[in-house]
Protein backbone atom coordinates (compact mmCIF):
# COMPACT_ATOMS: atom_id res chain seq x y z
CA MET A 1 -160.47 57.73 10.72
CA ILE A 2 -160.85 59.99 7.70
CA THR A 3 -160.88 63.56 9.07
CA ASP A 4 -161.61 65.63 5.94
CA ASN A 5 -164.70 65.28 3.76
CA PRO A 6 -164.31 61.70 2.43
CA GLY A 7 -164.23 61.36 -1.34
CA VAL A 8 -166.76 58.80 -2.59
CA VAL A 9 -167.02 57.03 -5.96
CA LEU A 10 -169.99 54.97 -7.15
CA VAL A 11 -169.52 51.97 -9.44
CA ASP A 12 -172.74 50.54 -10.89
CA ASP A 13 -173.96 49.82 -14.42
CA HIS A 14 -177.47 51.13 -13.71
CA VAL A 15 -177.23 54.83 -14.53
CA LEU A 16 -180.46 56.05 -12.93
CA LEU A 17 -179.77 54.25 -9.66
CA ARG A 18 -176.17 55.49 -9.66
CA ASN A 19 -177.22 59.08 -10.27
CA GLY A 20 -179.85 58.89 -7.57
CA LEU A 21 -177.37 57.54 -5.05
CA ALA A 22 -174.90 60.27 -5.94
CA SER A 23 -177.52 62.96 -5.26
CA LEU A 24 -178.51 61.28 -2.00
CA ILE A 25 -174.92 61.06 -0.77
CA ARG A 26 -174.30 64.72 -1.61
CA SER A 27 -177.36 65.62 0.46
CA PHE A 28 -175.70 64.12 3.57
CA GLY A 29 -173.33 67.09 3.55
CA ARG A 30 -170.24 65.24 4.72
CA PHE A 31 -169.14 63.39 1.57
CA ASP A 32 -167.75 64.55 -1.78
CA VAL A 33 -168.92 62.45 -4.73
CA LEU A 34 -165.87 62.52 -6.99
CA PHE A 35 -167.17 60.62 -10.02
CA GLU A 36 -169.27 57.66 -11.15
CA ALA A 37 -168.22 54.56 -13.10
CA SER A 38 -170.24 51.96 -15.00
CA ASP A 39 -168.01 48.95 -14.17
CA GLY A 40 -164.56 47.99 -12.94
CA LYS A 41 -162.77 48.86 -16.17
CA ASP A 42 -164.35 52.31 -16.25
CA LEU A 43 -163.35 52.81 -12.61
CA ILE A 44 -159.71 51.91 -13.27
CA ARG A 45 -159.59 54.27 -16.22
CA GLN A 46 -160.96 57.18 -14.20
CA LEU A 47 -158.72 56.50 -11.20
CA LYS A 48 -155.74 57.37 -13.39
CA THR A 49 -156.86 60.96 -13.87
CA SER A 50 -159.09 61.78 -10.87
CA ARG A 51 -158.60 62.41 -7.18
CA ARG A 52 -158.21 59.13 -5.37
CA PRO A 53 -161.37 58.35 -3.39
CA ASP A 54 -161.48 57.30 0.25
CA ILE A 55 -164.56 55.11 -0.24
CA ILE A 56 -165.92 53.21 -3.24
CA LEU A 57 -169.52 51.97 -3.33
CA LEU A 58 -169.21 48.89 -5.50
CA ASP A 59 -171.94 46.86 -7.16
CA ILE A 60 -171.31 43.14 -7.78
CA GLY A 61 -173.23 42.29 -10.97
CA MET A 62 -171.68 44.36 -13.77
CA PRO A 63 -171.16 43.24 -17.38
CA GLU A 64 -167.52 44.10 -18.09
CA MET A 65 -165.56 43.77 -14.84
CA ASP A 66 -167.74 42.70 -11.93
CA GLY A 67 -167.51 43.59 -8.26
CA TYR A 68 -165.55 40.53 -7.22
CA GLU A 69 -162.79 41.16 -9.74
CA THR A 70 -162.80 44.90 -9.10
CA ALA A 71 -162.50 44.42 -5.35
CA CYS A 72 -159.49 42.15 -5.91
CA TYR A 73 -157.86 44.77 -8.14
CA LEU A 74 -158.44 47.52 -5.57
CA ARG A 75 -157.10 45.37 -2.74
CA GLU A 76 -153.89 44.80 -4.70
CA HIS A 77 -153.35 48.25 -6.23
CA PHE A 78 -155.20 50.65 -3.89
CA PRO A 79 -155.31 48.96 -0.46
CA ASP A 80 -156.01 52.28 1.28
CA ILE A 81 -159.37 52.71 -0.52
CA ARG A 82 -162.26 51.35 1.53
CA VAL A 83 -164.76 49.33 -0.49
CA LEU A 84 -168.42 49.16 0.51
CA ALA A 85 -170.35 46.55 -1.48
CA LEU A 86 -173.79 47.86 -2.43
CA THR A 87 -175.82 45.21 -4.22
CA MET A 88 -179.04 43.21 -4.49
CA THR A 89 -177.13 39.95 -4.00
CA ASP A 90 -177.05 38.66 -0.43
CA THR A 91 -176.22 34.97 -0.72
CA ASP A 92 -173.77 33.60 1.85
CA SER A 93 -171.21 32.94 -0.87
CA SER A 94 -171.42 36.44 -2.39
CA VAL A 95 -170.98 38.08 1.02
CA ALA A 96 -168.04 35.83 1.87
CA ARG A 97 -166.36 36.36 -1.51
CA MET A 98 -166.66 40.15 -1.41
CA LEU A 99 -165.26 40.36 2.11
CA LYS A 100 -162.52 37.88 1.20
CA ASN A 101 -161.67 40.13 -1.76
CA GLY A 102 -161.20 43.13 0.49
CA ALA A 103 -164.59 44.81 0.94
CA LYS A 104 -164.92 46.57 4.31
CA GLY A 105 -168.69 46.42 4.38
CA TYR A 106 -171.74 45.02 2.60
CA VAL A 107 -175.19 46.58 2.26
CA LEU A 108 -178.21 45.86 0.09
CA LYS A 109 -179.71 48.32 -2.38
CA ASP A 110 -183.02 48.38 -0.52
CA ILE A 111 -181.30 50.16 2.37
CA ASP A 112 -182.94 53.45 3.41
CA ALA A 113 -181.21 56.84 3.36
CA HIS A 114 -180.42 56.81 7.08
CA GLY A 115 -178.94 53.33 6.83
CA LEU A 116 -176.72 54.31 3.90
CA GLU A 117 -175.49 57.41 5.72
CA GLN A 118 -174.77 55.28 8.78
CA ALA A 119 -172.83 52.79 6.65
CA LEU A 120 -170.73 55.53 5.04
CA ASP A 121 -170.05 57.19 8.40
CA SER A 122 -168.93 53.85 9.85
CA ILE A 123 -166.65 53.12 6.89
CA ALA A 124 -165.11 56.60 7.17
CA ASP A 125 -164.74 56.65 10.97
CA LYS A 126 -164.14 53.01 11.88
CA GLY A 127 -162.91 51.52 8.60
CA SER A 128 -165.69 48.94 8.29
CA TYR A 129 -169.45 48.40 8.44
CA TYR A 130 -171.20 45.10 9.15
CA THR A 131 -174.91 44.74 9.78
CA GLU A 132 -176.32 42.09 12.06
CA THR A 133 -177.59 40.18 9.01
CA ILE A 134 -174.17 40.18 7.35
CA THR A 135 -172.51 39.10 10.58
CA GLU A 136 -174.96 36.20 10.85
CA LYS A 137 -174.16 35.18 7.27
CA LEU A 138 -170.44 35.22 8.01
CA ILE A 139 -170.92 33.11 11.10
CA ASP A 140 -173.03 30.68 9.07
CA THR A 141 -170.40 30.58 6.32
CA VAL A 142 -167.60 29.84 8.79
CA SER A 143 -169.73 27.09 10.33
CA ARG A 144 -170.38 25.56 6.91
CA LEU A 145 -166.68 25.62 6.12
CA GLN A 146 -166.13 23.30 9.07
CA GLU A 147 -168.62 20.72 7.83
CA PRO A 148 -167.09 17.70 6.06
CA GLY A 149 -169.93 17.62 3.54
CA GLN A 150 -169.29 21.19 2.39
CA ARG A 151 -165.96 20.62 0.59
CA HIS A 152 -167.39 22.09 -2.64
CA PHE A 153 -168.45 25.24 -0.76
CA ARG A 154 -164.97 25.71 0.70
CA ASN A 155 -163.40 25.18 -2.70
CA MET A 156 -165.78 27.64 -4.35
CA LEU A 157 -164.38 30.41 -2.16
CA THR A 158 -160.86 29.58 -3.38
CA LEU A 159 -161.59 29.73 -7.11
CA ASN A 160 -159.00 31.88 -8.84
CA ASP A 161 -159.78 34.63 -11.36
CA ARG A 162 -159.26 32.39 -14.41
CA GLU A 163 -161.53 29.69 -13.00
CA LEU A 164 -164.20 32.29 -12.29
CA GLU A 165 -163.86 33.63 -15.83
CA PHE A 166 -164.26 30.11 -17.18
CA MET A 167 -167.34 29.55 -14.99
CA LYS A 168 -168.97 32.69 -16.43
CA LEU A 169 -168.23 31.62 -20.01
CA VAL A 170 -169.65 28.17 -19.33
CA CYS A 171 -173.01 29.92 -18.83
CA THR A 172 -172.99 31.21 -22.42
CA GLU A 173 -173.88 29.35 -25.62
CA TRP A 174 -170.23 29.16 -26.70
CA THR A 175 -168.62 25.78 -27.26
CA TYR A 176 -165.60 24.75 -25.19
CA LYS A 177 -163.41 25.51 -28.21
CA GLU A 178 -164.88 29.01 -28.49
CA ILE A 179 -164.31 29.50 -24.76
CA ALA A 180 -160.69 28.44 -25.25
CA ASP A 181 -160.29 31.04 -28.02
CA ARG A 182 -161.90 33.70 -25.84
CA MET A 183 -159.51 32.96 -22.96
CA TYR A 184 -156.49 32.58 -25.27
CA LEU A 185 -155.94 29.03 -24.06
CA SER A 186 -155.71 25.67 -25.79
CA PRO A 187 -158.74 23.35 -25.87
CA ARG A 188 -156.73 20.88 -23.80
CA THR A 189 -156.21 23.49 -21.07
CA ILE A 190 -159.92 24.30 -21.08
CA ASP A 191 -160.69 20.59 -20.72
CA GLY A 192 -158.38 20.61 -17.70
CA TYR A 193 -160.25 23.58 -16.16
CA ARG A 194 -163.56 21.81 -16.73
CA ASP A 195 -162.44 18.50 -15.21
CA ALA A 196 -160.80 20.23 -12.23
CA LEU A 197 -163.98 22.18 -11.51
CA PHE A 198 -166.11 19.05 -11.86
CA GLU A 199 -164.00 17.53 -9.08
CA LYS A 200 -163.66 20.67 -6.97
CA LEU A 201 -167.35 21.58 -7.02
CA ASN A 202 -168.72 18.03 -7.05
CA VAL A 203 -170.68 18.38 -10.31
CA ARG A 204 -170.66 16.15 -13.39
CA THR A 205 -171.89 18.22 -16.34
CA ARG A 206 -171.68 21.68 -17.92
CA VAL A 207 -175.27 22.26 -16.83
CA GLY A 208 -174.19 21.46 -13.28
CA LEU A 209 -171.41 24.05 -13.52
CA ALA A 210 -173.85 26.64 -14.85
CA MET A 211 -176.39 25.94 -12.10
CA PHE A 212 -173.67 26.23 -9.47
CA ALA A 213 -172.50 29.55 -10.98
CA VAL A 214 -176.01 31.02 -10.84
CA LYS A 215 -176.83 29.68 -7.39
CA ASN A 216 -173.64 31.09 -5.86
CA GLY A 217 -173.77 34.52 -7.49
CA ILE A 218 -170.90 33.98 -9.94
CA VAL A 219 -173.31 34.76 -12.79
CA GLN A 220 -176.25 37.15 -12.44
CA LEU A 221 -179.45 36.36 -14.33
CA GLU A 222 -181.12 39.35 -15.97
């Protein structure tokens, strides 16, 4: 349990929403909003010079360093910080990936003020916050992981950071050679990533990879 006024940081690339949430959280009276960040890279930069927060409200779909990658970084470098995912994305895979990456709770951006205060209080006092809907999604995910026909779903949850980066770049107009240059890898290595993902995710084409990435929240459509 956090006894003093918990320090909170908001990470979201939408400035108006972020500012509004900051004002709302200050109005609760219990929490100190320490600073705001536009993405994971901005968060890491500010963590070096600011008071370390107790709780981070973390969006998933951000352009530079998204919520999945940021949660992984925080789990490795700041395991004592409690991450609450706050997003519009509620697919089974996105929930499972965020919790797998260390998030202690998951709420949607259409939550009302009372619900957000309740989530923050639970994170501060109990260390976690799970709604009934999120719990149902986790149960469904675990059930799906047991199904023989869901091998691609199980494997999707084990994609490493480089594979996820490749999946995102596949959804651009860049050629495989340009993707290789972007990732500082050889074209042969990129071909290996592609073929391994074809097998792992049970798809046959680049379009199939892109559709899988969008469907499972790896890439957010504007």
